[in-house]
C-alpha atoms as a PDB file:
ATOM      1  CA  LEU A   1      17.339   9.132  -4.497  1.00  0.00           C
ATOM      2  CA  GLY A   2      19.639   7.168  -6.767  1.00  0.00           C
ATOM      3  CA  ALA A   3      21.390   5.591  -3.795  1.00  0.00           C
ATOM      4  CA  ILE A   4      18.094   4.352  -2.346  1.00  0.00           C
ATOM      5  CA  GLU A   5      16.864   3.123  -5.730  1.00  0.00           C
ATOM      6  CA  SER A   6      20.017   1.042  -6.131  1.00  0.00           C
ATOM      7  CA  SER A   7      19.726  -0.382  -2.599  1.00  0.00           C
ATOM      8  CA  GLY A   8      17.638  -3.316  -1.446  1.00  0.00           C
ATOM      9  CA  PRO A   9      13.812  -3.544  -1.514  1.00  0.00           C
ATOM     10  CA  ALA A  10      13.309  -2.997   2.218  1.00  0.00           C
ATOM     11  CA  LEU A  11      14.989   0.427   2.112  1.00  0.00           C
ATOM     12  CA  ILE A  12      12.969   1.376  -0.964  1.00  0.00           C
ATOM     13  CA  LYS A  13       9.778   0.361   0.833  1.00  0.00           C
ATOM     14  CA  PHE A  14      10.825   2.512   3.769  1.00  0.00           C
ATOM     15  CA  ALA A  15      11.336   5.479   1.426  1.00  0.00           C
ATOM     16  CA  GLN A  16       7.907   4.872  -0.158  1.00  0.00           C
ATOM     17  CA  TRP A  17       6.354   4.994   3.303  1.00  0.00           C
ATOM     18  CA  THR A  18       8.293   8.176   4.086  1.00  0.00           C
ATOM     19  CA  ALA A  19       6.779   9.813   0.982  1.00  0.00           C
ATOM     20  CA  THR A  20       3.294   9.473   2.495  1.00  0.00           C
ATOM     21  CA  ARG A  21       4.242  11.044   5.853  1.00  0.00           C
ATOM     22  CA  THR A  22       4.324  14.775   5.194  1.00  0.00           C
ATOM     23  CA  ASP A  23       3.392  15.187   8.855  1.00  0.00           C
ATOM     24  CA  MET A  24       6.779  13.766   9.885  1.00  0.00           C
ATOM     25  CA  PHE A  25       9.198  14.702   7.095  1.00  0.00           C
ATOM     26  CA  PRO A  26       9.900  17.818   4.965  1.00  0.00           C
ATOM     27  CA  ALA A  27       7.573  18.217   1.988  1.00  0.00           C
ATOM     28  CA  GLU A  28      10.493  18.369  -0.461  1.00  0.00           C
ATOM     29  CA  LEU A  29      11.849  15.048   0.812  1.00  0.00           C
ATOM     30  CA  CYS A  30       8.401  13.430   0.540  1.00  0.00           C
ATOM     31  CA  LEU A  31       8.039  14.722  -3.000  1.00  0.00           C
ATOM     32  CA  ARG A  32      11.410  13.276  -4.000  1.00  0.00           C
ATOM     33  CA  PHE A  33      10.695   9.908  -2.406  1.00  0.00           C
ATOM     34  CA  SER A  34       7.262   9.756  -4.067  1.00  0.00           C
ATOM     35  CA  LEU A  35       9.128   9.109  -7.328  1.00  0.00           C
ATOM     36  CA  LEU A  36       9.908   5.662  -5.919  1.00  0.00           C
ATOM     37  CA  GLN A  37       6.209   4.740  -5.789  1.00  0.00           C
ATOM     38  CA  SER A  38       6.314   3.698  -9.435  1.00  0.00           C
ATOM     39  CA  GLY A  39       8.870   3.076 -12.147  1.00  0.00           C
ATOM     40  CA  ALA A  40      11.366   1.086 -10.074  1.00  0.00           C
ATOM     41  CA  ARG A  41      14.261  -0.654 -11.776  1.00  0.00           C
ATOM     42  CA  THR A  42      13.433  -3.722 -13.847  1.00  0.00           C
ATOM     43  CA  HIS A  43      15.145  -6.999 -14.707  1.00  0.00           C
ATOM     44  CA  GLN A  44      15.425  -8.825 -18.003  1.00  0.00           C
ATOM     45  CA  LEU A  45      12.518 -11.139 -18.757  1.00  0.00           C
ATOM     46  CA  SER A  46      14.991 -13.916 -19.514  1.00  0.00           C
ATOM     47  CA  ALA A  47      16.020 -13.930 -15.838  1.00  0.00           C
ATOM     48  CA  SER A  48      12.528 -15.228 -14.968  1.00  0.00           C
ATOM     49  CA  LYS A  49      12.305 -17.777 -17.798  1.00  0.00           C
ATOM     50  CA  ALA A  50      12.797 -20.827 -15.564  1.00  0.00           C
ATOM     51  CA  ASN A  51      10.132 -19.669 -13.102  1.00  0.00           C
ATOM     52  CA  LEU A  52       7.672 -19.031 -15.939  1.00  0.00           C
ATOM     53  CA  GLU A  53       8.281 -22.422 -17.492  1.00  0.00           C
ATOM     54  CA  GLU A  54       7.812 -24.116 -14.130  1.00  0.00           C
ATOM     55  CA  VAL A  55       4.434 -22.531 -13.379  1.00  0.00           C
ATOM     56  CA  PHE A  56       2.997 -23.309 -16.821  1.00  0.00           C
ATOM     57  CA  ALA A  57       4.431 -26.824 -16.887  1.00  0.00           C
ATOM     58  CA  GLY A  58       2.182 -27.827 -14.033  1.00  0.00           C
ATOM     59  CA  SER A  59      -1.055 -26.659 -15.657  1.00  0.00           C
ATOM     60  CA  ALA A  60      -3.178 -26.947 -18.791  1.00  0.00           C
ATOM     61  CA  GLY A  61      -2.608 -23.265 -19.521  1.00  0.00           C
ATOM     62  CA  THR A  62      -0.375 -22.030 -22.323  1.00  0.00           C
ATOM     63  CA  LEU A  63       1.618 -18.813 -22.497  1.00  0.00           C
ATOM     64  CA  VAL A  64       0.736 -17.422 -25.933  1.00  0.00           C
ATOM     65  CA  SER A  65       2.776 -14.210 -25.689  1.00  0.00           C
ATOM     66  CA  ILE A  66       4.353 -11.884 -23.155  1.00  0.00           C
ATOM     67  CA  GLU A  67       5.616  -8.341 -23.643  1.00  0.00           C
ATOM     68  CA  GLU A  68       9.334  -7.953 -23.021  1.00  0.00           C
ATOM     69  CA  THR A  69       8.972  -4.534 -21.390  1.00  0.00           C
ATOM     70  CA  PRO A  70       7.151  -4.449 -18.030  1.00  0.00           C
ATOM     71  CA  VAL A  71       4.053  -2.281 -17.691  1.00  0.00           C
ATOM     72  CA  GLY A  72       5.054  -1.596 -14.100  1.00  0.00           C
ATOM     73  CA  SER A  73       7.790  -2.400 -11.642  1.00  0.00           C
ATOM     74  CA  GLY A  74       8.191  -2.196  -7.880  1.00  0.00           C
ATOM     75  CA  CYS A  75      11.052  -2.986  -5.563  1.00  0.00           C
ATOM     76  CA  ILE A  76       9.870  -6.596  -5.100  1.00  0.00           C
ATOM     77  CA  ALA A  77       8.535  -7.589  -8.513  1.00  0.00           C
ATOM     78  CA  GLN A  78       7.586  -6.362 -11.964  1.00  0.00           C
ATOM     79  CA  VAL A  79       4.468  -6.862 -14.079  1.00  0.00           C
ATOM     80  CA  HIS A  80       4.208  -7.822 -17.743  1.00  0.00           C
ATOM     81  CA  ARG A  81       1.203  -7.735 -20.045  1.00  0.00           C
ATOM     82  CA  ALA A  82       0.655 -11.164 -21.587  1.00  0.00           C
ATOM     83  CA  VAL A  83      -1.819 -13.432 -23.340  1.00  0.00           C
ATOM     84  CA  ILE A  84      -2.528 -16.963 -22.134  1.00  0.00           C
ATOM     85  CA  SER A  85      -4.810 -19.735 -23.310  1.00  0.00           C
ATOM     86  CA  THR A  86      -6.746 -22.023 -20.970  1.00  0.00           C
ATOM     87  CA  PRO A  87      -9.145 -24.887 -21.790  1.00  0.00           C
ATOM     88  CA  ASP A  88     -12.125 -23.196 -20.128  1.00  0.00           C
ATOM     89  CA  LYS A  89     -11.699 -19.585 -21.318  1.00  0.00           C
ATOM     90  CA  GLY A  90      -9.480 -19.768 -24.384  1.00  0.00           C
ATOM     91  CA  GLU A  91      -7.192 -16.806 -24.998  1.00  0.00           C
ATOM     92  CA  GLN A  92      -7.287 -13.956 -22.503  1.00  0.00           C
ATOM     93  CA  LYS A  93      -5.205 -10.905 -21.656  1.00  0.00           C
ATOM     94  CA  VAL A  94      -3.501 -11.194 -18.284  1.00  0.00           C
ATOM     95  CA  ALA A  95      -0.896  -9.572 -16.082  1.00  0.00           C
ATOM     96  CA  ILE A  96       2.063 -11.681 -14.999  1.00  0.00           C
ATOM     97  CA  LYS A  97       3.908 -10.598 -11.877  1.00  0.00           C
ATOM     98  CA  LEU A  98       7.517 -11.799 -11.587  1.00  0.00           C
ATOM     99  CA  LEU A  99       9.659 -11.631  -8.475  1.00  0.00           C
ATOM    100  CA  HIS A 100      12.975  -9.846  -9.035  1.00  0.00           C
ATOM    101  CA  PRO A 101      15.960 -12.233  -9.007  1.00  0.00           C
ATOM    102  CA  GLY A 102      17.923 -12.103  -5.748  1.00  0.00           C
ATOM    103  CA  VAL A 103      15.268 -10.079  -3.943  1.00  0.00           C
ATOM    104  CA  LEU A 104      15.114 -12.448  -0.960  1.00  0.00           C
ATOM    105  CA  GLU A 105      18.815 -12.062  -0.147  1.00  0.00           C
ATOM    106  CA  LEU A 106      18.754  -8.272  -0.601  1.00  0.00           C
ATOM    107  CA  THR A 107      15.745  -7.962   1.671  1.00  0.00           C
ATOM    108  CA  ARG A 108      17.452  -9.912   4.449  1.00  0.00           C
ATOM    109  CA  LEU A 109      20.469  -7.592   4.256  1.00  0.00           C
ATOM    110  CA  ASP A 110      18.238  -4.498   4.381  1.00  0.00           C
ATOM    111  CA  VAL A 111      16.311  -5.761   7.390  1.00  0.00           C
ATOM    112  CA  ASP A 112      19.543  -6.561   9.242  1.00  0.00           C
ATOM    113  CA  LEU A 113      20.686  -2.989   8.587  1.00  0.00           C
ATOM    114  CA  LEU A 114      17.380  -1.567   9.840  1.00  0.00           C
ATOM    115  CA  ARG A 115      17.581  -3.760  12.959  1.00  0.00           C
ATOM    116  CA  SER A 116      21.005  -2.339  13.744  1.00  0.00           C
ATOM    117  CA  LEU A 117      19.655   1.181  13.287  1.00  0.00           C
ATOM    118  CA  GLY A 118      16.735   0.344  15.584  1.00  0.00           C
ATOM    119  CA  ASP A 119      19.096  -0.919  18.289  1.00  0.00           C
ATOM    120  CA  VAL A 120      21.060   2.336  18.157  1.00  0.00           C
ATOM    121  CA  VAL A 121      17.925   4.517  18.298  1.00  0.00           C
ATOM    122  CA  ASP A 122      16.573   2.542  21.267  1.00  0.00           C
ATOM    123  CA  LEU A 123      19.698   3.540  23.221  1.00  0.00           C
ATOM    124  CA  VAL A 124      18.651   7.209  23.035  1.00  0.00           C
ATOM    125  CA  PRO A 125      16.073   7.871  25.799  1.00  0.00           C
ATOM    126  CA  MET A 126      14.345  10.768  24.013  1.00  0.00           C
ATOM    127  CA  LEU A 127      13.825   8.591  20.900  1.00  0.00           C
ATOM    128  CA  ARG A 128      12.733   5.424  22.683  1.00  0.00           C
ATOM    129  CA  TRP A 129       9.058   6.314  22.179  1.00  0.00           C
ATOM    130  CA  LEU A 130       9.524   5.596  18.478  1.00  0.00           C
ATOM    131  CA  SER A 131       9.789   1.852  19.299  1.00  0.00           C
ATOM    132  CA  LEU A 132      11.922   1.620  16.168  1.00  0.00           C
ATOM    133  CA  ARG A 133      13.230  -1.900  16.775  1.00  0.00           C
ATOM    134  CA  GLU A 134       9.684  -3.160  17.314  1.00  0.00           C
ATOM    135  CA  SER A 135       8.589  -1.346  14.157  1.00  0.00           C
ATOM    136  CA  VAL A 136      11.430  -2.945  12.193  1.00  0.00           C
ATOM    137  CA  GLU A 137      10.322  -6.419  13.314  1.00  0.00           C
ATOM    138  CA  GLU A 138       6.768  -5.670  12.230  1.00  0.00           C
ATOM    139  CA  PHE A 139       8.040  -4.234   8.952  1.00  0.00           C
ATOM    140  CA  SER A 140      10.166  -7.353   8.432  1.00  0.00           C
ATOM    141  CA  THR A 141       7.075  -9.537   8.761  1.00  0.00           C
ATOM    142  CA  LEU A 142       5.094  -7.366   6.373  1.00  0.00           C
ATOM    143  CA  ILE A 143       7.709  -7.192   3.641  1.00  0.00           C
ATOM    144  CA  GLY A 144       8.424 -10.900   4.072  1.00  0.00           C
ATOM    145  CA  SER A 145       4.862 -11.616   3.013  1.00  0.00           C
ATOM    146  CA  GLN A 146       5.557  -9.886  -0.308  1.00  0.00           C
ATOM    147  CA  LEU A 147       8.369 -12.292  -1.113  1.00  0.00           C
ATOM    148  CA  ASP A 148       5.954 -15.171  -1.742  1.00  0.00           C
ATOM    149  CA  LEU A 149       3.434 -14.360  -4.473  1.00  0.00           C
ATOM    150  CA  ARG A 150       1.214 -17.236  -3.341  1.00  0.00           C
ATOM    151  CA  LEU A 151       0.343 -15.150  -0.290  1.00  0.00           C
ATOM    152  CA  GLU A 152      -0.587 -12.187  -2.484  1.00  0.00           C
ATOM    153  CA  ALA A 153      -2.866 -14.450  -4.520  1.00  0.00           C
ATOM    154  CA  GLU A 154      -4.681 -15.470  -1.328  1.00  0.00           C
ATOM    155  CA  ASN A 155      -4.947 -11.819  -0.243  1.00  0.00           C
ATOM    156  CA  LEU A 156      -6.461 -10.785  -3.580  1.00  0.00           C
ATOM    157  CA  GLU A 157      -9.068 -13.524  -3.334  1.00  0.00           C
ATOM    158  CA  ARG A 158      -9.982 -12.460   0.187  1.00  0.00           C
ATOM    159  CA  PHE A 159     -10.325  -8.787  -0.784  1.00  0.00           C
ATOM    160  CA  ALA A 160     -12.442  -9.738  -3.807  1.00  0.00           C
ATOM    161  CA  SER A 161     -14.714 -11.745  -1.503  1.00  0.00           C
ATOM    162  CA  ASP A 162     -14.910  -8.953   1.101  1.00  0.00           C
ATOM    163  CA  PHE A 163     -15.951  -6.402  -1.548  1.00  0.00           C
ATOM    164  CA  ALA A 164     -17.866  -8.681  -3.917  1.00  0.00           C
ATOM    165  CA  SER A 165     -21.025  -6.557  -3.689  1.00  0.00           C
ATOM    166  CA  TRP A 166     -19.265  -3.292  -4.524  1.00  0.00           C
ATOM    167  CA  LYS A 167     -19.586  -1.935  -8.062  1.00  0.00           C
ATOM    168  CA  ASP A 168     -17.019   0.844  -7.645  1.00  0.00           C
ATOM    169  CA  LEU A 169     -14.108  -1.153  -6.220  1.00  0.00           C
ATOM    170  CA  SER A 170     -12.340  -4.181  -7.677  1.00  0.00           C
ATOM    171  CA  PHE A 171      -9.182  -6.253  -7.341  1.00  0.00           C
ATOM    172  CA  PRO A 172      -7.286  -8.383  -9.864  1.00  0.00           C
ATOM    173  CA  LEU A 173      -7.885 -12.099  -9.410  1.00  0.00           C
ATOM    174  CA  PRO A 174      -5.246 -14.853  -9.614  1.00  0.00           C
ATOM    175  CA  ILE A 175      -5.716 -17.379 -12.395  1.00  0.00           C
ATOM    176  CA  ARG A 176      -5.168 -20.704 -10.714  1.00  0.00           C
ATOM    177  CA  PRO A 177      -3.185 -22.873 -10.850  1.00  0.00           C
ATOM    178  CA  LEU A 178      -0.805 -20.368 -12.501  1.00  0.00           C
ATOM    179  CA  VAL A 179       0.596 -19.198  -9.173  1.00  0.00           C
ATOM    180  CA  SER A 180       3.941 -19.931  -7.495  1.00  0.00           C
ATOM    181  CA  ASN A 181       6.199 -18.220  -4.974  1.00  0.00           C
ATOM    182  CA  ALA A 182       7.904 -16.284  -7.801  1.00  0.00           C
ATOM    183  CA  VAL A 183       5.136 -15.997 -10.442  1.00  0.00           C
ATOM    184  CA  LEU A 184       1.574 -14.689 -10.211  1.00  0.00           C
ATOM    185  CA  VAL A 185      -0.714 -14.754 -13.242  1.00  0.00           C
ATOM    186  CA  GLU A 186      -3.769 -12.562 -12.676  1.00  0.00           C
ATOM    187  CA  THR A 187      -6.551 -10.835 -14.546  1.00  0.00           C
ATOM    188  CA  PHE A 188      -5.382  -7.693 -16.348  1.00  0.00           C
ATOM    189  CA  GLN A 189      -6.834  -4.445 -15.004  1.00  0.00           C
ATOM    190  CA  ASP A 190      -7.137  -1.378 -17.205  1.00  0.00           C
ATOM    191  CA  GLY A 191      -7.119   2.073 -15.657  1.00  0.00           C
ATOM    192  CA  VAL A 192      -5.362   5.379 -15.105  1.00  0.00           C
ATOM    193  CA  PRO A 193      -3.010   5.813 -12.102  1.00  0.00           C
ATOM    194  CA  LEU A 194      -4.569   7.707  -9.198  1.00  0.00           C
ATOM    195  CA  ALA A 195      -1.562  10.058  -9.205  1.00  0.00           C
ATOM    196  CA  GLU A 196      -3.069  11.919 -12.183  1.00  0.00           C
ATOM    197  CA  TRP A 197      -5.847  13.202  -9.902  1.00  0.00           C
ATOM    198  CA  ILE A 198      -3.527  14.150  -7.058  1.00  0.00           C
ATOM    199  CA  LYS A 199      -0.836  16.333  -8.631  1.00  0.00           C
ATOM    200  CA  GLY A 200      -1.150  15.343 -12.273  1.00  0.00           C
ATOM    201  CA  PRO A 201      -3.059  16.712 -15.303  1.00  0.00           C
ATOM    202  CA  ARG A 202      -6.476  15.834 -13.806  1.00  0.00           C
ATOM    203  CA  SER A 203      -5.915  17.472 -10.426  1.00  0.00           C
ATOM    204  CA  GLU A 204      -8.608  20.098 -11.151  1.00  0.00           C
ATOM    205  CA  GLU A 205     -11.384  17.527 -11.678  1.00  0.00           C
ATOM    206  CA  THR A 206     -13.011  18.291  -8.343  1.00  0.00           C
ATOM    207  CA  GLU A 207     -16.093  16.087  -8.654  1.00  0.00           C
ATOM    208  CA  THR A 208     -14.052  13.052  -9.683  1.00  0.00           C
ATOM    209  CA  LYS A 209     -11.608  13.637  -6.834  1.00  0.00           C
ATOM    210  CA  ARG A 210     -14.499  13.866  -4.399  1.00  0.00           C
ATOM    211  CA  GLU A 211     -15.884  10.536  -5.626  1.00  0.00           C
ATOM    212  CA  LEU A 212     -12.460   8.900  -5.459  1.00  0.00           C
ATOM    213  CA  ALA A 213     -12.070  10.154  -1.900  1.00  0.00           C
ATOM    214  CA  ARG A 214     -15.480   8.705  -1.012  1.00  0.00           C
ATOM    215  CA  ILE A 215     -14.575   5.287  -2.428  1.00  0.00           C
ATOM    216  CA  GLY A 216     -11.158   5.327  -0.787  1.00  0.00           C
ATOM    217  CA  VAL A 217     -12.339   6.379   2.676  1.00  0.00           C
ATOM    218  CA  ARG A 218     -15.364   4.063   2.633  1.00  0.00           C
ATOM    219  CA  SER A 219     -13.291   1.056   1.557  1.00  0.00           C
ATOM    220  CA  PHE A 220     -10.613   1.788   4.151  1.00  0.00           C
ATOM    221  CA  LEU A 221     -13.198   2.005   6.925  1.00  0.00           C
ATOM    222  CA  HIS A 222     -14.723  -1.277   5.801  1.00  0.00           C
ATOM    223  CA  MET A 223     -11.282  -2.881   5.854  1.00  0.00           C
ATOM    224  CA  CYS A 224     -10.619  -1.583   9.362  1.00  0.00           C
ATOM    225  CA  PHE A 225     -13.943  -1.931  11.102  1.00  0.00           C
ATOM    226  CA  ARG A 226     -15.887  -4.590   9.235  1.00  0.00           C
ATOM    227  CA  HIS A 227     -13.349  -7.062   7.849  1.00  0.00           C
ATOM    228  CA  ASN A 228     -10.214  -6.350   9.919  1.00  0.00           C
ATOM    229  CA  PHE A 229      -8.172  -7.094   6.809  1.00  0.00           C
ATOM    230  CA  ILE A 230      -6.375  -3.986   5.587  1.00  0.00           C
ATOM    231  CA  HIS A 231      -4.403  -3.314   2.414  1.00  0.00           C
ATOM    232  CA  GLY A 232      -1.037  -2.133   3.697  1.00  0.00           C
ATOM    233  CA  ASP A 233       0.493  -0.642   0.549  1.00  0.00           C
ATOM    234  CA  LEU A 234      -2.030   1.814  -0.890  1.00  0.00           C
ATOM    235  CA  HIS A 235       0.237   4.464  -2.355  1.00  0.00           C
ATOM    236  CA  PRO A 236      -0.972   6.159  -5.601  1.00  0.00           C
ATOM    237  CA  GLY A 237       1.070   3.786  -7.772  1.00  0.00           C
ATOM    238  CA  ASN A 238      -1.066   0.870  -6.568  1.00  0.00           C
ATOM    239  CA  ILE A 239      -4.472   2.379  -7.380  1.00  0.00           C
ATOM    240  CA  LEU A 240      -6.043   2.573 -10.842  1.00  0.00           C
ATOM    241  CA  VAL A 241      -9.067   4.679 -11.769  1.00  0.00           C
ATOM    242  CA  ASN A 242     -11.676   4.033 -14.444  1.00  0.00           C
ATOM    243  CA  ILE A 243     -14.070   6.705 -15.720  1.00  0.00           C
ATOM    244  CA  SER A 244     -17.147   5.476 -17.613  1.00  0.00           C
ATOM    245  CA  PRO A 245     -19.422   8.391 -18.614  1.00  0.00           C
ATOM    246  CA  GLY A 246     -23.011   7.197 -18.451  1.00  0.00           C
ATOM    247  CA  GLY A 247     -21.947   3.958 -16.790  1.00  0.00           C
ATOM    248  CA  ASP A 248     -22.895   2.485 -13.448  1.00  0.00           C
ATOM    249  CA  PRO A 249     -20.766   3.461 -11.673  1.00  0.00           C
ATOM    250  CA  VAL A 250     -19.245   6.418 -13.509  1.00  0.00           C
ATOM    251  CA  VAL A 251     -16.120   6.351 -11.316  1.00  0.00           C
ATOM    252  CA  SER A 252     -14.530   3.140 -10.077  1.00  0.00           C
ATOM    253  CA  MET A 253     -11.249   2.146  -8.499  1.00  0.00           C
ATOM    254  CA  THR A 254      -8.972  -0.892  -8.679  1.00  0.00           C
ATOM    255  CA  MET A 255      -6.506  -1.690  -5.901  1.00  0.00           C
ATOM    256  CA  LEU A 256      -3.360  -3.568  -6.896  1.00  0.00           C
ATOM    257  CA  ASP A 257      -0.374  -5.173  -5.181  1.00  0.00           C
ATOM    258  CA  ALA A 258      -1.956  -6.814  -2.143  1.00  0.00           C
ATOM    259  CA  GLY A 259       1.236  -8.421  -0.864  1.00  0.00           C
ATOM    260  CA  ILE A 260       1.225  -6.376   2.349  1.00  0.00           C
ATOM    261  CA  THR A 261      -1.859  -6.670   4.534  1.00  0.00           C
ATOM    262  CA  THR A 262      -2.589  -5.986   8.181  1.00  0.00           C
ATOM    263  CA  GLU A 263      -4.940  -7.469  10.746  1.00  0.00           C
ATOM    264  CA  LEU A 264      -5.234  -5.591  14.031  1.00  0.00           C
ATOM    265  CA  THR A 265      -5.281  -7.262  17.417  1.00  0.00           C
ATOM    266  CA  GLU A 266      -8.448  -6.768  19.440  1.00  0.00           C
ATOM    267  CA  ARG A 267      -6.577  -4.307  21.680  1.00  0.00           C
ATOM    268  CA  ASP A 268      -5.388  -2.255  18.714  1.00  0.00           C
ATOM    269  CA  ARG A 269      -8.859  -2.318  17.134  1.00  0.00           C
ATOM    270  CA  ARG A 270     -10.375  -1.055  20.370  1.00  0.00           C
ATOM    271  CA  ASN A 271      -7.782   1.726  20.637  1.00  0.00           C
ATOM    272  CA  PHE A 272      -8.191   2.692  16.986  1.00  0.00           C
ATOM    273  CA  ARG A 273     -11.978   2.828  17.281  1.00  0.00           C
ATOM    274  CA  ALA A 274     -11.724   5.098  20.306  1.00  0.00           C
ATOM    275  CA  LEU A 275      -9.213   7.406  18.608  1.00  0.00           C
ATOM    276  CA  PHE A 276     -11.156   7.526  15.349  1.00  0.00           C
ATOM    277  CA  SER A 277     -14.426   8.247  17.160  1.00  0.00           C
ATOM    278  CA  ALA A 278     -12.849  11.118  19.087  1.00  0.00           C
ATOM    279  CA  ILE A 279     -11.516  12.679  15.882  1.00  0.00           C
ATOM    280  CA  VAL A 280     -14.689  12.422  13.779  1.00  0.00           C
ATOM    281  CA  GLN A 281     -16.714  13.803  16.709  1.00  0.00           C
ATOM    282  CA  GLY A 282     -14.378  16.810  16.826  1.00  0.00           C
ATOM    283  CA  ASN A 283     -13.018  15.999  20.275  1.00  0.00           C
ATOM    284  CA  GLY A 284      -9.346  16.575  19.537  1.00  0.00           C
ATOM    285  CA  GLU A 285      -8.275  16.927  23.151  1.00  0.00           C
ATOM    286  CA  GLU A 286      -9.723  13.511  23.959  1.00  0.00           C
ATOM    287  CA  ALA A 287      -7.848  12.151  20.926  1.00  0.00           C
ATOM    288  CA  GLY A 288      -4.657  13.587  22.408  1.00  0.00           C
ATOM    289  CA  ARG A 289      -5.315  11.919  25.757  1.00  0.00           C
ATOM    290  CA  LEU A 290      -5.917   8.605  24.005  1.00  0.00           C
ATOM    291  CA  MET A 291      -2.639   8.942  22.079  1.00  0.00           C
ATOM    292  CA  ILE A 292      -0.723   9.431  25.326  1.00  0.00           C
ATOM    293  CA  SER A 293      -2.488   6.670  27.254  1.00  0.00           C
ATOM    294  CA  HIS A 294      -2.074   4.135  24.416  1.00  0.00           C
ATOM    295  CA  ALA A 295       1.558   4.966  23.614  1.00  0.00           C
ATOM    296  CA  ARG A 296       4.008   2.200  24.469  1.00  0.00           C
ATOM    297  CA  ALA A 297       6.379   4.870  25.778  1.00  0.00           C
ATOM    298  CA  HIS A 298       6.549   8.646  25.557  1.00  0.00           C
ATOM    299  CA  GLU A 299       8.569  11.618  26.752  1.00  0.00           C
ATOM    300  CA  CYS A 300       5.722  14.130  26.814  1.00  0.00           C
ATOM    301  CA  LYS A 301       6.594  16.762  29.421  1.00  0.00           C
ATOM    302  CA  ASP A 302       3.290  18.661  29.211  1.00  0.00           C
ATOM    303  CA  PRO A 303       0.346  16.325  28.407  1.00  0.00           C
ATOM    304  CA  ASP A 304      -2.204  19.149  28.737  1.00  0.00           C
ATOM    305  CA  ALA A 305      -0.392  21.261  26.126  1.00  0.00           C
ATOM    306  CA  PHE A 306      -0.076  18.244  23.838  1.00  0.00           C
ATOM    307  CA  CYS A 307      -3.808  17.509  24.087  1.00  0.00           C
ATOM    308  CA  ALA A 308      -4.647  21.154  23.429  1.00  0.00           C
ATOM    309  CA  ALA A 309      -2.402  21.140  20.338  1.00  0.00           C
ATOM    310  CA  ILE A 310      -4.063  17.981  19.014  1.00  0.00           C
ATOM    311  CA  GLY A 311      -7.449  19.610  19.652  1.00  0.00           C
ATOM    312  CA  ALA A 312      -6.431  22.638  17.601  1.00  0.00           C
ATOM    313  CA  LEU A 313      -5.111  20.418  14.809  1.00  0.00           C
ATOM    314  CA  VAL A 314      -8.358  18.433  14.626  1.00  0.00           C
ATOM    315  CA  ASP A 315     -10.419  21.644  14.645  1.00  0.00           C
ATOM    316  CA  GLN A 316      -8.333  23.028  11.780  1.00  0.00           C
ATOM    317  CA  ALA A 317      -8.666  19.797   9.803  1.00  0.00           C
ATOM    318  CA  LEU A 318     -12.433  19.609  10.214  1.00  0.00           C
ATOM    319  CA  THR A 319     -12.990  23.246   9.259  1.00  0.00           C
ATOM    320  CA  THR A 320     -11.329  22.607   5.860  1.00  0.00           C
ATOM    321  CA  ASN A 321     -14.240  20.260   5.000  1.00  0.00           C
ATOM    322  CA  LEU A 322     -11.535  17.596   4.493  1.00  0.00           C
ATOM    323  CA  SER A 323     -10.575  19.015   1.101  1.00  0.00           C
ATOM    324  CA  LEU A 324      -7.978  16.727  -0.487  1.00  0.00           C
ATOM    325  CA  GLY A 325      -5.916  19.742  -1.422  1.00  0.00           C
ATOM    326  CA  LYS A 326      -5.925  21.309   2.048  1.00  0.00           C
ATOM    327  CA  ILE A 327      -5.481  18.509   4.531  1.00  0.00           C
ATOM    328  CA  GLN A 328      -3.260  15.447   4.809  1.00  0.00           C
ATOM    329  CA  ALA A 329      -4.703  12.397   6.567  1.00  0.00           C
ATOM    330  CA  GLY A 330      -1.399  11.900   8.383  1.00  0.00           C
ATOM    331  CA  LYS A 331      -1.851  15.231  10.151  1.00  0.00           C
ATOM    332  CA  ILE A 332      -5.072  13.978  11.700  1.00  0.00           C
ATOM    333  CA  LEU A 333      -4.236  10.297  12.448  1.00  0.00           C
END
């Protein structure tokens, strides 16, 4: 874990993704890697002084104060609580996201390493179905979008527009023009990390967990099927929860860190719709057939047995009533 934490951001992102795939990797490994979903290493605020001065120099806003210690840090950037003053709103509490120094160069090195690994894996016939080199190229594009905070600002604005009518889901908003490739000033979002309801002290709050699951699934389906604009980094460290007894709504969710997003091609949307429909209708064997027919390459020796196994897996998942504690989404999709 320490070796990965001290490596470049691309490898850390890969480990974060691994932590969500208990269907592919041992549970103990996923648990260890989940520690990388929050609390990454930080840099000194002074290292970002020039970038901060540059973004405020080009605006009428003033940086009143900024906390030295970050409230959160990822492998690409860290976030500080701050207070700014603007002519239209006066003083307001904000979050300031700062790109880690040297992150661009480290990312390039990581991606080159992953490309080499992909080339080696593609030489092994039984592993060719993984399409690892193709996945690395896609991953390179996705993580590259996180290295320019102006793109994240645009993503946040688009998500806020897509879900403007929702009371139980929100996104931080950039405060323009205080945005650059290395600095993003945005509205500060209060909340409790979702992790507390997964394996933390609030894991027994069944009704709250059920409502959080409803918001999460509904928003994901809207992203996929209605907007075709999908948040690509929704691990528990990027989701905050607010509980307001007697409020409307009582439970609400805030999604952070929108640097990675995905838009599916029409072909992929069509395939995903067909696969999703088969699963929710309980037709697991048809889902298995779709997986085989849509795979870029596969080494399945017994398609009928594979489809039967997928059918059994879907039946098992659906009979658990999709309890968060009993089923992992990755085992179904």
